[in-house]
Every structure is written in structure tokens, then in C-alpha cells.
PDB file of N, CA and C in Angstrom:
ATOM      1  N   MET A   1     -33.154  26.640 -59.158  1.00  0.00           N
ATOM      2  CA  MET A   1     -32.054  25.321 -58.946  1.00  0.00           C
ATOM      3  C   MET A   1     -32.137  24.260 -60.400  1.00  0.00           C
ATOM      4  N   THR A   2     -31.930  23.820 -60.988  1.00  0.00           N
ATOM      5  CA  THR A   2     -32.246  22.994 -61.617  1.00  0.00           C
ATOM      6  C   THR A   2     -31.829  21.502 -60.267  1.00  0.00           C
ATOM      7  N   LEU A   3     -32.447  21.331 -61.182  1.00  0.00           N
ATOM      8  CA  LEU A   3     -31.800  19.220 -60.135  1.00  0.00           C
ATOM      9  C   LEU A   3     -31.903  18.151 -61.364  1.00  0.00           C
ATOM     10  N   ASN A   4     -31.813  18.007 -62.402  1.00  0.00           N
ATOM     11  CA  ASN A   4     -31.666  17.008 -63.477  1.00  0.00           C
ATOM     12  C   ASN A   4     -31.771  15.585 -63.293  1.00  0.00           C
ATOM     13  N   GLY A   5     -30.745  15.943 -62.214  1.00  0.00           N
ATOM     14  CA  GLY A   5     -29.558  14.504 -61.592  1.00  0.00           C
ATOM     15  C   GLY A   5     -30.836  13.061 -61.008  1.00  0.00           C
ATOM     16  N   LEU A   6     -32.828  13.970 -60.331  1.00  0.00           N
ATOM     17  CA  LEU A   6     -33.263  13.540 -59.662  1.00  0.00           C
ATOM     18  C   LEU A   6     -32.612  13.640 -58.326  1.00  0.00           C
ATOM     19  N   VAL A   7     -33.110  13.851 -57.913  1.00  0.00           N
ATOM     20  CA  VAL A   7     -33.833  13.663 -56.035  1.00  0.00           C
ATOM     21  C   VAL A   7     -34.182  12.489 -55.227  1.00  0.00           C
ATOM     22  N   PHE A   8     -33.576  11.923 -54.111  1.00  0.00           N
ATOM     23  CA  PHE A   8     -33.441  11.173 -53.342  1.00  0.00           C
ATOM     24  C   PHE A   8     -34.213  11.612 -52.135  1.00  0.00           C
ATOM     25  N   LEU A   9     -35.034  11.214 -52.115  1.00  0.00           N
ATOM     26  CA  LEU A   9     -35.635  10.912 -50.483  1.00  0.00           C
ATOM     27  C   LEU A   9     -35.998   9.945 -49.162  1.00  0.00           C
ATOM     28  N   ARG A  10     -35.303  10.981 -47.922  1.00  0.00           N
ATOM     29  CA  ARG A  10     -35.109   9.884 -46.939  1.00  0.00           C
ATOM     30  C   ARG A  10     -36.155   9.997 -46.110  1.00  0.00           C
ATOM     31  N   THR A  11     -37.576   9.000 -45.765  1.00  0.00           N
ATOM     32  CA  THR A  11     -37.889   9.235 -44.851  1.00  0.00           C
ATOM     33  C   THR A  11     -37.974   8.860 -43.661  1.00  0.00           C
ATOM     34  N   LYS A  12     -38.188   9.501 -42.269  1.00  0.00           N
ATOM     35  CA  LYS A  12     -37.727   8.247 -41.229  1.00  0.00           C
ATOM     36  C   LYS A  12     -39.511   9.228 -40.684  1.00  0.00           C
ATOM     37  N   ALA A  13     -40.089   8.438 -40.143  1.00  0.00           N
ATOM     38  CA  ALA A  13     -41.331   9.067 -39.476  1.00  0.00           C
ATOM     39  C   ALA A  13     -41.154   9.058 -37.465  1.00  0.00           C
ATOM     40  N   VAL A  14     -42.130   9.423 -37.450  1.00  0.00           N
ATOM     41  CA  VAL A  14     -41.851  10.261 -35.858  1.00  0.00           C
ATOM     42  C   VAL A  14     -42.974   9.909 -35.351  1.00  0.00           C
ATOM     43  N   ASN A  15     -42.597   9.334 -33.917  1.00  0.00           N
ATOM     44  CA  ASN A  15     -44.523   9.205 -33.309  1.00  0.00           C
ATOM     45  C   ASN A  15     -44.725   7.889 -33.832  1.00  0.00           C
ATOM     46  N   VAL A  16     -44.820   6.896 -34.157  1.00  0.00           N
ATOM     47  CA  VAL A  16     -45.567   6.071 -34.923  1.00  0.00           C
ATOM     48  C   VAL A  16     -46.301   5.135 -34.970  1.00  0.00           C
ATOM     49  N   SER A  17     -47.626   5.993 -34.870  1.00  0.00           N
ATOM     50  CA  SER A  17     -49.156   5.934 -33.782  1.00  0.00           C
ATOM     51  C   SER A  17     -49.809   4.224 -34.100  1.00  0.00           C
ATOM     52  N   ASN A  18     -48.699   4.142 -35.883  1.00  0.00           N
ATOM     53  CA  ASN A  18     -49.643   2.829 -36.825  1.00  0.00           C
ATOM     54  C   ASN A  18     -48.399   1.911 -37.166  1.00  0.00           C
ATOM     55  N   PRO A  19     -48.793   0.612 -36.684  1.00  0.00           N
ATOM     56  CA  PRO A  19     -47.330  -0.103 -36.804  1.00  0.00           C
ATOM     57  C   PRO A  19     -47.593  -0.595 -38.406  1.00  0.00           C
ATOM     58  N   ALA A  20     -49.040  -0.241 -39.565  1.00  0.00           N
ATOM     59  CA  ALA A  20     -48.582  -0.402 -40.452  1.00  0.00           C
ATOM     60  C   ALA A  20     -46.839   0.721 -41.200  1.00  0.00           C
ATOM     61  N   ILE A  21     -47.318   1.535 -40.736  1.00  0.00           N
ATOM     62  CA  ILE A  21     -47.203   2.349 -41.585  1.00  0.00           C
ATOM     63  C   ILE A  21     -44.484   2.395 -40.629  1.00  0.00           C
ATOM     64  N   PRO A  22     -44.265   1.908 -42.514  1.00  0.00           N
ATOM     65  CA  PRO A  22     -42.793   1.749 -42.373  1.00  0.00           C
ATOM     66  C   PRO A  22     -42.657   3.306 -41.488  1.00  0.00           C
ATOM     67  N   THR A  23     -41.585   2.341 -40.714  1.00  0.00           N
ATOM     68  CA  THR A  23     -40.260   4.276 -39.827  1.00  0.00           C
ATOM     69  C   THR A  23     -39.923   4.405 -40.364  1.00  0.00           C
ATOM     70  N   SER A  24     -39.563   4.032 -42.255  1.00  0.00           N
ATOM     71  CA  SER A  24     -38.496   4.429 -43.055  1.00  0.00           C
ATOM     72  C   SER A  24     -38.760   3.839 -44.047  1.00  0.00           C
ATOM     73  N   THR A  25     -38.008   4.794 -45.269  1.00  0.00           N
ATOM     74  CA  THR A  25     -38.258   4.668 -46.768  1.00  0.00           C
ATOM     75  C   THR A  25     -38.112   5.714 -47.585  1.00  0.00           C
ATOM     76  N   ASP A  26     -37.468   4.929 -48.567  1.00  0.00           N
ATOM     77  CA  ASP A  26     -36.353   5.549 -49.120  1.00  0.00           C
ATOM     78  C   ASP A  26     -37.428   5.907 -50.662  1.00  0.00           C
ATOM     79  N   TYR A  27     -37.386   6.931 -51.324  1.00  0.00           N
ATOM     80  CA  TYR A  27     -37.855   7.608 -52.585  1.00  0.00           C
ATOM     81  C   TYR A  27     -36.641   8.419 -53.747  1.00  0.00           C
ATOM     82  N   LYS A  28     -36.925   7.610 -54.741  1.00  0.00           N
ATOM     83  CA  LYS A  28     -36.516   8.181 -56.032  1.00  0.00           C
ATOM     84  C   LYS A  28     -37.485   9.016 -56.649  1.00  0.00           C
ATOM     85  N   MET A  29     -37.058  10.957 -56.397  1.00  0.00           N
ATOM     86  CA  MET A  29     -38.226  11.558 -57.226  1.00  0.00           C
ATOM     87  C   MET A  29     -38.333  12.523 -58.016  1.00  0.00           C
ATOM     88  N   PHE A  30     -38.588  11.926 -59.397  1.00  0.00           N
ATOM     89  CA  PHE A  30     -38.126  12.565 -60.520  1.00  0.00           C
ATOM     90  C   PHE A  30     -38.546  13.523 -60.603  1.00  0.00           C
ATOM     91  N   ALA A  31     -38.607  14.215 -62.452  1.00  0.00           N
ATOM     92  CA  ALA A  31     -39.841  15.608 -63.396  1.00  0.00           C
ATOM     93  C   ALA A  31     -40.087  16.087 -61.923  1.00  0.00           C
ATOM     94  N   ASP A  32     -41.006  15.462 -61.305  1.00  0.00           N
ATOM     95  CA  ASP A  32     -42.074  16.389 -61.438  1.00  0.00           C
ATOM     96  C   ASP A  32     -41.201  16.633 -59.258  1.00  0.00           C
ATOM     97  N   HIS A  33     -40.430  15.774 -59.120  1.00  0.00           N
ATOM     98  CA  HIS A  33     -39.732  15.342 -57.931  1.00  0.00           C
ATOM     99  C   HIS A  33     -41.403  15.836 -56.568  1.00  0.00           C
ATOM    100  N   SER A  34     -42.084  14.792 -56.943  1.00  0.00           N
ATOM    101  CA  SER A  34     -43.802  14.399 -55.766  1.00  0.00           C
ATOM    102  C   SER A  34     -42.680  12.925 -55.237  1.00  0.00           C
ATOM    103  N   ALA A  35     -43.844  11.946 -53.854  1.00  0.00           N
ATOM    104  CA  ALA A  35     -43.346  11.584 -53.180  1.00  0.00           C
ATOM    105  C   ALA A  35     -44.537  11.076 -52.998  1.00  0.00           C
ATOM    106  N   TYR A  36     -45.464   9.749 -53.519  1.00  0.00           N
ATOM    107  CA  TYR A  36     -46.427   9.375 -52.217  1.00  0.00           C
ATOM    108  C   TYR A  36     -46.118   9.125 -50.724  1.00  0.00           C
ATOM    109  N   ILE A  37     -46.649  10.109 -50.089  1.00  0.00           N
ATOM    110  CA  ILE A  37     -46.231   9.645 -48.551  1.00  0.00           C
ATOM    111  C   ILE A  37     -47.330   9.448 -47.252  1.00  0.00           C
ATOM    112  N   PRO A  38     -47.406   7.640 -46.708  1.00  0.00           N
ATOM    113  CA  PRO A  38     -48.266   7.767 -45.392  1.00  0.00           C
ATOM    114  C   PRO A  38     -48.585   9.199 -44.954  1.00  0.00           C
ATOM    115  N   TYR A  39     -49.931   9.626 -44.661  1.00  0.00           N
ATOM    116  CA  TYR A  39     -50.065  10.575 -43.293  1.00  0.00           C
ATOM    117  C   TYR A  39     -49.480  10.151 -42.057  1.00  0.00           C
ATOM    118  N   GLY A  40     -49.074  11.166 -41.101  1.00  0.00           N
ATOM    119  CA  GLY A  40     -48.155  10.966 -40.284  1.00  0.00           C
ATOM    120  C   GLY A  40     -47.035  12.372 -39.530  1.00  0.00           C
ATOM    121  N   THR A  41     -46.109  12.124 -39.806  1.00  0.00           N
ATOM    122  CA  THR A  41     -45.289  12.844 -39.058  1.00  0.00           C
ATOM    123  C   THR A  41     -44.348  12.147 -39.418  1.00  0.00           C
ATOM    124  N   TRP A  42     -43.565  13.329 -40.009  1.00  0.00           N
ATOM    125  CA  TRP A  42     -42.181  12.703 -40.961  1.00  0.00           C
ATOM    126  C   TRP A  42     -41.038  13.661 -40.397  1.00  0.00           C
ATOM    127  N   ASP A  43     -39.367  12.625 -40.258  1.00  0.00           N
ATOM    128  CA  ASP A  43     -38.579  13.671 -41.008  1.00  0.00           C
ATOM    129  C   ASP A  43     -38.246  13.648 -42.328  1.00  0.00           C
ATOM    130  N   MET A  44     -37.633  14.520 -43.162  1.00  0.00           N
ATOM    131  CA  MET A  44     -38.177  13.860 -44.525  1.00  0.00           C
ATOM    132  C   MET A  44     -36.406  14.830 -45.301  1.00  0.00           C
ATOM    133  N   PHE A  45     -35.091  13.809 -44.981  1.00  0.00           N
ATOM    134  CA  PHE A  45     -33.596  14.398 -45.447  1.00  0.00           C
ATOM    135  C   PHE A  45     -33.929  13.835 -47.190  1.00  0.00           C
ATOM    136  N   PHE A  46     -33.687  15.400 -48.329  1.00  0.00           N
ATOM    137  CA  PHE A  46     -33.224  15.157 -49.218  1.00  0.00           C
ATOM    138  C   PHE A  46     -31.526  16.039 -49.192  1.00  0.00           C
ATOM    139  N   VAL A  47     -31.901  14.931 -50.379  1.00  0.00           N
ATOM    140  CA  VAL A  47     -30.459  14.846 -51.021  1.00  0.00           C
ATOM    141  C   VAL A  47     -30.504  15.209 -53.302  1.00  0.00           C
ATOM    142  N   GLY A  48     -29.869  16.183 -53.917  1.00  0.00           N
ATOM    143  CA  GLY A  48     -31.184  16.573 -54.606  1.00  0.00           C
ATOM    144  C   GLY A  48     -29.302  16.388 -55.521  1.00  0.00           C
ATOM    145  N   PHE A  49     -29.599  15.720 -57.881  1.00  0.00           N
ATOM    146  CA  PHE A  49     -28.847  16.436 -57.906  1.00  0.00           C
ATOM    147  C   PHE A  49     -28.453  16.664 -59.095  1.00  0.00           C
ATOM    148  N   SER A  50     -27.365  17.621 -60.220  1.00  0.00           N
ATOM    149  CA  SER A  50     -27.514  18.979 -60.905  1.00  0.00           C
ATOM    150  C   SER A  50     -27.877  18.192 -62.351  1.00  0.00           C
ATOM    151  N   GLY A  51     -27.599  17.167 -62.100  1.00  0.00           N
ATOM    152  CA  GLY A  51     -26.729  16.025 -63.673  1.00  0.00           C
ATOM    153  C   GLY A  51     -25.643  16.002 -63.926  1.00  0.00           C
ATOM    154  N   PRO A  52     -26.560  16.181 -66.198  1.00  0.00           N
ATOM    155  CA  PRO A  52     -27.451  15.476 -66.479  1.00  0.00           C
ATOM    156  C   PRO A  52     -28.482  14.577 -65.794  1.00  0.00           C
ATOM    157  N   ASN A  53     -27.450  13.510 -65.571  1.00  0.00           N
ATOM    158  CA  ASN A  53     -28.316  12.163 -66.008  1.00  0.00           C
ATOM    159  C   ASN A  53     -28.366  11.639 -63.794  1.00  0.00           C
ATOM    160  N   ASN A  54     -29.157  10.694 -63.910  1.00  0.00           N
ATOM    161  CA  ASN A  54     -29.746  10.138 -63.272  1.00  0.00           C
ATOM    162  C   ASN A  54     -28.413  10.238 -61.874  1.00  0.00           C
ATOM    163  N   PHE A  55     -28.326  10.967 -60.649  1.00  0.00           N
ATOM    164  CA  PHE A  55     -27.387  10.741 -59.923  1.00  0.00           C
ATOM    165  C   PHE A  55     -26.353  10.953 -59.223  1.00  0.00           C
ATOM    166  N   GLU A  56     -26.320  12.031 -60.474  1.00  0.00           N
ATOM    167  CA  GLU A  56     -25.247  12.479 -61.481  1.00  0.00           C
ATOM    168  C   GLU A  56     -25.171  14.087 -61.029  1.00  0.00           C
ATOM    169  N   GLY A  57     -23.557  14.838 -60.704  1.00  0.00           N
ATOM    170  CA  GLY A  57     -22.922  15.971 -60.918  1.00  0.00           C
ATOM    171  C   GLY A  57     -23.145  16.554 -59.542  1.00  0.00           C
ATOM    172  N   THR A  58     -23.188  17.625 -59.033  1.00  0.00           N
ATOM    173  CA  THR A  58     -22.851  18.554 -57.915  1.00  0.00           C
ATOM    174  C   THR A  58     -24.546  18.055 -56.885  1.00  0.00           C
ATOM    175  N   LYS A  59     -23.661  17.725 -55.542  1.00  0.00           N
ATOM    176  CA  LYS A  59     -25.405  17.021 -54.538  1.00  0.00           C
ATOM    177  C   LYS A  59     -25.328  18.113 -53.925  1.00  0.00           C
ATOM    178  N   TYR A  60     -26.791  18.796 -53.853  1.00  0.00           N
ATOM    179  CA  TYR A  60     -28.041  19.729 -52.511  1.00  0.00           C
ATOM    180  C   TYR A  60     -28.474  18.857 -51.445  1.00  0.00           C
ATOM    181  N   CYS A  61     -28.272  19.146 -50.114  1.00  0.00           N
ATOM    182  CA  CYS A  61     -29.335  18.365 -48.853  1.00  0.00           C
ATOM    183  C   CYS A  61     -30.121  19.390 -48.675  1.00  0.00           C
ATOM    184  N   GLY A  62     -30.435  18.551 -47.960  1.00  0.00           N
ATOM    185  CA  GLY A  62     -31.539  19.081 -47.232  1.00  0.00           C
ATOM    186  C   GLY A  62     -32.045  18.628 -46.206  1.00  0.00           C
ATOM    187  N   SER A  63     -33.919  19.465 -45.588  1.00  0.00           N
ATOM    188  CA  SER A  63     -34.512  18.653 -44.677  1.00  0.00           C
ATOM    189  C   SER A  63     -35.291  19.411 -44.478  1.00  0.00           C
ATOM    190  N   LEU A  64     -36.606  19.208 -44.033  1.00  0.00           N
ATOM    191  CA  LEU A  64     -37.671  19.216 -43.605  1.00  0.00           C
ATOM    192  C   LEU A  64     -38.235  18.115 -41.836  1.00  0.00           C
ATOM    193  N   LEU A  65     -37.824  18.120 -40.677  1.00  0.00           N
ATOM    194  CA  LEU A  65     -38.539  17.615 -39.732  1.00  0.00           C
ATOM    195  C   LEU A  65     -39.911  18.382 -39.520  1.00  0.00           C
ATOM    196  N   ASN A  66     -40.284  16.932 -39.054  1.00  0.00           N
ATOM    197  CA  ASN A  66     -41.491  17.331 -37.612  1.00  0.00           C
ATOM    198  C   ASN A  66     -42.376  17.152 -38.829  1.00  0.00           C
ATOM    199  N   SER A  67     -42.583  17.579 -40.605  1.00  0.00           N
ATOM    200  CA  SER A  67     -43.304  17.700 -41.362  1.00  0.00           C
ATOM    201  C   SER A  67     -44.870  16.439 -40.840  1.00  0.00           C
ATOM    202  N   ASN A  68     -45.649  17.691 -40.756  1.00  0.00           N
ATOM    203  CA  ASN A  68     -47.764  16.683 -40.588  1.00  0.00           C
ATOM    204  C   ASN A  68     -47.954  16.361 -41.681  1.00  0.00           C
ATOM    205  N   LEU A  69     -48.011  15.304 -42.536  1.00  0.00           N
ATOM    206  CA  LEU A  69     -48.403  15.094 -44.091  1.00  0.00           C
ATOM    207  C   LEU A  69     -50.450  14.495 -43.474  1.00  0.00           C
ATOM    208  N   ASN A  70     -51.143  15.224 -43.314  1.00  0.00           N
ATOM    209  CA  ASN A  70     -52.500  14.863 -43.024  1.00  0.00           C
ATOM    210  C   ASN A  70     -53.753  15.194 -43.953  1.00  0.00           C
ATOM    211  N   ALA A  71     -52.931  15.517 -45.518  1.00  0.00           N
ATOM    212  CA  ALA A  71     -53.670  16.066 -46.521  1.00  0.00           C
ATOM    213  C   ALA A  71     -53.490  15.422 -47.595  1.00  0.00           C
ATOM    214  N   PRO A  72     -54.042  15.299 -48.539  1.00  0.00           N
ATOM    215  CA  PRO A  72     -53.985  14.337 -50.178  1.00  0.00           C
ATOM    216  C   PRO A  72     -52.415  15.353 -50.493  1.00  0.00           C
ATOM    217  N   ASN A  73     -52.612  16.271 -51.044  1.00  0.00           N
ATOM    218  CA  ASN A  73     -52.187  17.086 -51.290  1.00  0.00           C
ATOM    219  C   ASN A  73     -51.454  18.152 -50.984  1.00  0.00           C
ATOM    220  N   GLN A  74     -49.451  17.992 -50.335  1.00  0.00           N
ATOM    221  CA  GLN A  74     -49.112  19.024 -50.058  1.00  0.00           C
ATOM    222  C   GLN A  74     -47.923  19.680 -50.821  1.00  0.00           C
ATOM    223  N   SER A  75     -47.735  20.952 -50.079  1.00  0.00           N
ATOM    224  CA  SER A  75     -46.249  20.755 -50.994  1.00  0.00           C
ATOM    225  C   SER A  75     -45.650  21.980 -49.624  1.00  0.00           C
ATOM    226  N   PHE A  76     -44.306  21.323 -49.753  1.00  0.00           N
ATOM    227  CA  PHE A  76     -42.704  21.369 -49.600  1.00  0.00           C
ATOM    228  C   PHE A  76     -41.970  22.697 -49.882  1.00  0.00           C
ATOM    229  N   ASN A  77     -41.417  23.654 -49.607  1.00  0.00           N
ATOM    230  CA  ASN A  77     -40.387  24.250 -50.499  1.00  0.00           C
ATOM    231  C   ASN A  77     -39.300  24.181 -48.756  1.00  0.00           C
ATOM    232  N   VAL A  78     -37.893  22.988 -49.377  1.00  0.00           N
ATOM    233  CA  VAL A  78     -37.183  22.956 -49.276  1.00  0.00           C
ATOM    234  C   VAL A  78     -35.773  23.603 -49.440  1.00  0.00           C
ATOM    235  N   ASP A  79     -34.870  24.278 -48.869  1.00  0.00           N
ATOM    236  CA  ASP A  79     -32.920  24.677 -48.498  1.00  0.00           C
ATOM    237  C   ASP A  79     -32.610  23.080 -48.811  1.00  0.00           C
ATOM    238  N   LEU A  80     -32.689  23.814 -49.943  1.00  0.00           N
ATOM    239  CA  LEU A  80     -30.753  22.323 -50.509  1.00  0.00           C
ATOM    240  C   LEU A  80     -29.645  23.343 -50.486  1.00  0.00           C
ATOM    241  N   LEU A  81     -28.017  22.894 -49.418  1.00  0.00           N
ATOM    242  CA  LEU A  81     -27.150  23.873 -50.378  1.00  0.00           C
ATOM    243  C   LEU A  81     -26.449  22.667 -50.085  1.00  0.00           C
ATOM    244  N   GLN A  82     -25.358  23.119 -50.600  1.00  0.00           N
ATOM    245  CA  GLN A  82     -24.337  22.168 -51.217  1.00  0.00           C
ATOM    246  C   GLN A  82     -23.940  21.168 -49.660  1.00  0.00           C
ATOM    247  N   SER A  83     -23.580  22.350 -48.685  1.00  0.00           N
ATOM    248  CA  SER A  83     -23.058  22.641 -47.195  1.00  0.00           C
ATOM    249  C   SER A  83     -23.671  21.349 -46.325  1.00  0.00           C
ATOM    250  N   ASN A  84     -24.942  21.009 -46.306  1.00  0.00           N
ATOM    251  CA  ASN A  84     -25.360  19.804 -45.691  1.00  0.00           C
ATOM    252  C   ASN A  84     -24.835  18.841 -46.051  1.00  0.00           C
ATOM    253  N   CYS A  85     -23.837  18.258 -47.454  1.00  0.00           N
ATOM    254  CA  CYS A  85     -23.837  17.387 -48.161  1.00  0.00           C
ATOM    255  C   CYS A  85     -22.515  16.311 -47.012  1.00  0.00           C
ATOM    256  N   THR A  86     -22.802  17.893 -46.543  1.00  0.00           N
ATOM    257  CA  THR A  86     -21.235  17.732 -46.206  1.00  0.00           C
ATOM    258  C   THR A  86     -20.501  16.611 -43.849  1.00  0.00           C
ATOM    259  N   VAL A  87     -22.153  16.936 -43.616  1.00  0.00           N
ATOM    260  CA  VAL A  87     -22.993  16.460 -42.305  1.00  0.00           C
ATOM    261  C   VAL A  87     -23.526  14.509 -42.632  1.00  0.00           C
ATOM    262  N   GLU A  88     -23.683  13.904 -41.292  1.00  0.00           N
ATOM    263  CA  GLU A  88     -24.904  13.217 -41.678  1.00  0.00           C
ATOM    264  C   GLU A  88     -25.830  14.017 -41.147  1.00  0.00           C
ATOM    265  N   PRO A  89     -26.929  13.176 -41.504  1.00  0.00           N
ATOM    266  CA  PRO A  89     -27.551  11.881 -42.496  1.00  0.00           C
ATOM    267  C   PRO A  89     -27.009  11.963 -43.294  1.00  0.00           C
ATOM    268  N   TYR A  90     -26.256  12.530 -44.268  1.00  0.00           N
ATOM    269  CA  TYR A  90     -26.388  12.942 -45.584  1.00  0.00           C
ATOM    270  C   TYR A  90     -25.272  12.412 -46.277  1.00  0.00           C
ATOM    271  N   LEU A  91     -24.550  12.097 -45.547  1.00  0.00           N
ATOM    272  CA  LEU A  91     -23.302  10.993 -45.678  1.00  0.00           C
ATOM    273  C   LEU A  91     -23.981   9.885 -45.698  1.00  0.00           C
ATOM    274  N   THR A  92     -24.361   9.534 -44.753  1.00  0.00           N
ATOM    275  CA  THR A  92     -24.697   8.189 -44.917  1.00  0.00           C
ATOM    276  C   THR A  92     -25.826   7.470 -46.119  1.00  0.00           C
ATOM    277  N   ILE A  93     -26.572   8.614 -46.343  1.00  0.00           N
ATOM    278  CA  ILE A  93     -27.435   8.686 -47.447  1.00  0.00           C
ATOM    279  C   ILE A  93     -26.638   8.051 -48.645  1.00  0.00           C
ATOM    280  N   ILE A  94     -25.470   9.293 -48.941  1.00  0.00           N
ATOM    281  CA  ILE A  94     -24.385   9.127 -50.013  1.00  0.00           C
ATOM    282  C   ILE A  94     -24.359   7.475 -49.965  1.00  0.00           C
ATOM    283  N   SER A  95     -24.276   7.715 -49.610  1.00  0.00           N
ATOM    284  CA  SER A  95     -22.704   6.513 -49.947  1.00  0.00           C
ATOM    285  C   SER A  95     -23.843   5.495 -49.991  1.00  0.00           C
ATOM    286  N   ASP A  96     -24.808   6.346 -48.679  1.00  0.00           N
ATOM    287  CA  ASP A  96     -26.508   3.836 -49.687  1.00  0.00           C
ATOM    288  C   ASP A  96     -26.523   4.633 -51.153  1.00  0.00           C
ATOM    289  N   ILE A  97     -26.920   5.754 -51.120  1.00  0.00           N
ATOM    290  CA  ILE A  97     -27.154   6.133 -53.205  1.00  0.00           C
ATOM    291  C   ILE A  97     -26.067   5.549 -53.903  1.00  0.00           C
ATOM    292  N   GLN A  98     -24.782   5.958 -53.391  1.00  0.00           N
ATOM    293  CA  GLN A  98     -23.412   5.559 -54.837  1.00  0.00           C
ATOM    294  C   GLN A  98     -23.713   4.059 -54.447  1.00  0.00           C
ATOM    295  N   THR A  99     -23.876   2.718 -53.049  1.00  0.00           N
ATOM    296  CA  THR A  99     -23.652   1.172 -53.809  1.00  0.00           C
ATOM    297  C   THR A  99     -25.261   0.754 -53.686  1.00  0.00           C
ATOM    298  N   SER A 100     -26.328   1.525 -54.203  1.00  0.00           N
ATOM    299  CA  SER A 100     -26.960   1.319 -54.833  1.00  0.00           C
ATOM    300  C   SER A 100     -27.430   0.669 -55.806  1.00  0.00           C
ATOM    301  N   SER A 101     -26.815   2.497 -56.862  1.00  0.00           N
ATOM    302  CA  SER A 101     -26.571   2.893 -58.602  1.00  0.00           C
ATOM    303  C   SER A 101     -24.937   1.228 -58.313  1.00  0.00           C
ATOM    304  N   ASN A 102     -24.418   1.028 -57.897  1.00  0.00           N
ATOM    305  CA  ASN A 102     -23.751   0.483 -58.618  1.00  0.00           C
ATOM    306  C   ASN A 102     -23.922  -1.056 -59.070  1.00  0.00           C
ATOM    307  N   GLY A 103     -23.916  -1.320 -60.121  1.00  0.00           N
ATOM    308  CA  GLY A 103     -24.058  -2.485 -59.950  1.00  0.00           C
ATOM    309  C   GLY A 103     -23.068  -3.736 -60.263  1.00  0.00           C
ATOM    310  N   ILE A 104     -23.157  -4.697 -59.493  1.00  0.00           N
ATOM    311  CA  ILE A 104     -21.311  -5.976 -59.408  1.00  0.00           C
ATOM    312  C   ILE A 104     -21.307  -6.038 -60.907  1.00  0.00           C
ATOM    313  N   TRP A 105     -19.898  -6.158 -61.658  1.00  0.00           N
ATOM    314  CA  TRP A 105     -20.170  -6.731 -62.696  1.00  0.00           C
ATOM    315  C   TRP A 105     -18.715  -7.800 -62.571  1.00  0.00           C
ATOM    316  N   GLY A 106     -17.852  -8.908 -63.074  1.00  0.00           N
ATOM    317  CA  GLY A 106     -16.944  -9.675 -63.020  1.00  0.00           C
ATOM    318  C   GLY A 106     -17.604 -10.658 -62.073  1.00  0.00           C
ATOM    319  N   THR A 107     -18.413 -11.065 -61.810  1.00  0.00           N
ATOM    320  CA  THR A 107     -18.073 -11.595 -61.010  1.00  0.00           C
ATOM    321  C   THR A 107     -19.177 -12.267 -61.608  1.00  0.00           C
ATOM    322  N   ALA A 108     -19.139 -13.771 -61.273  1.00  0.00           N
ATOM    323  CA  ALA A 108     -19.955 -15.247 -61.795  1.00  0.00           C
ATOM    324  C   ALA A 108     -20.659 -16.052 -60.900  1.00  0.00           C
ATOM    325  N   ASN A 109     -21.536 -17.533 -60.424  1.00  0.00           N
ATOM    326  CA  ASN A 109     -21.799 -17.781 -59.682  1.00  0.00           C
ATOM    327  C   ASN A 109     -22.287 -18.942 -60.547  1.00  0.00           C
ATOM    328  N   TRP A 110     -21.770 -20.354 -61.165  1.00  0.00           N
ATOM    329  CA  TRP A 110     -22.075 -21.073 -61.276  1.00  0.00           C
ATOM    330  C   TRP A 110     -22.246 -22.305 -60.209  1.00  0.00           C
ATOM    331  N   ASP A 111     -23.310 -22.752 -60.941  1.00  0.00           N
ATOM    332  CA  ASP A 111     -23.612 -24.156 -60.677  1.00  0.00           C
ATOM    333  C   ASP A 111     -21.977 -25.149 -59.996  1.00  0.00           C
ATOM    334  N   GLN A 112     -22.071 -25.622 -59.298  1.00  0.00           N
ATOM    335  CA  GLN A 112     -20.802 -26.687 -58.979  1.00  0.00           C
ATOM    336  C   GLN A 112     -21.457 -27.958 -58.756  1.00  0.00           C
ATOM    337  N   LYS A 113     -21.920 -28.405 -59.453  1.00  0.00           N
ATOM    338  CA  LYS A 113     -22.434 -29.902 -59.648  1.00  0.00           C
ATOM    339  C   LYS A 113     -22.738 -30.612 -60.894  1.00  0.00           C
ATOM    340  N   THR A 114     -22.033 -31.610 -60.695  1.00  0.00           N
ATOM    341  CA  THR A 114     -21.116 -32.515 -61.678  1.00  0.00           C
ATOM    342  C   THR A 114     -22.589 -32.457 -63.053  1.00  0.00           C
ATOM    343  N   TRP A 115     -21.679 -31.584 -64.183  1.00  0.00           N
ATOM    344  CA  TRP A 115     -23.366 -32.196 -65.313  1.00  0.00           C
ATOM    345  C   TRP A 115     -23.021 -33.094 -66.289  1.00  0.00           C
ATOM    346  N   GLY A 116     -24.589 -34.458 -66.361  1.00  0.00           N
ATOM    347  CA  GLY A 116     -24.313 -34.963 -67.404  1.00  0.00           C
ATOM    348  C   GLY A 116     -25.254 -36.058 -66.129  1.00  0.00           C
ATOM    349  N   PRO A 117     -25.163 -37.562 -67.050  1.00  0.00           N
ATOM    350  CA  PRO A 117     -25.279 -38.155 -66.241  1.00  0.00           C
ATOM    351  C   PRO A 117     -24.591 -39.055 -65.356  1.00  0.00           C
TER     352      PRO A 117
END
């Protein structure tokens, strides 16, 4: 399957022992579908889009749970299925993607103070 519309990854830390590591982070994975994630054990939730543009087309969802990242370069195979996108946590992730990718147009906040001397 080709995912020309990007892959979105949401990570959640499992058993965080280092407070400097964020407990949840979002990644937009472009053509190479890679991300730099700190060492640790993570639950990873993926939403892929068929395209042709970013975050457009058919959605495919899947996860890797309790993934131990402990080497500089690691690869994973993830099964992404359309049917997974109809349940949580993917419904929330998709909603967050759609909300963050929509700009707010048609509104303006102007300074209400009197102009001039």
C-alpha cells in the first residue's frame, strides 16, 4: 500500500522512568515514514493517508504496543487497516489531525483602542 498523504504517529510512553522524556508526542512522517523517538518503551498509534495530498484520501490505522526502542536505528512492520480507524484511539487522533490542519479564516482580532493623538 502506498501512503502518499503522509503517516501520522502518536506515541505514548509506557513506564516512564526518565521525567525528561515526554509522555506523549505527535509526529508527521513524510515520504520515508521515519521518526526520531527517544529510547524507551512506547505504545505507537499510526494513521496513514492514501493521498494524493497530505492528510487526504483513505485512512489506514494500526498500532505497535510496548515497543522497546533501545538502538539507534530500528524498523518495525505495522499492519494498517481501514477498519481500525473506526475505533479509539484512532477516532480521537483523526479528529485532532483534522482540527490542527484546518486554518481559521474569516475572523480578525483588531486592536479596539482609539487611533491618533
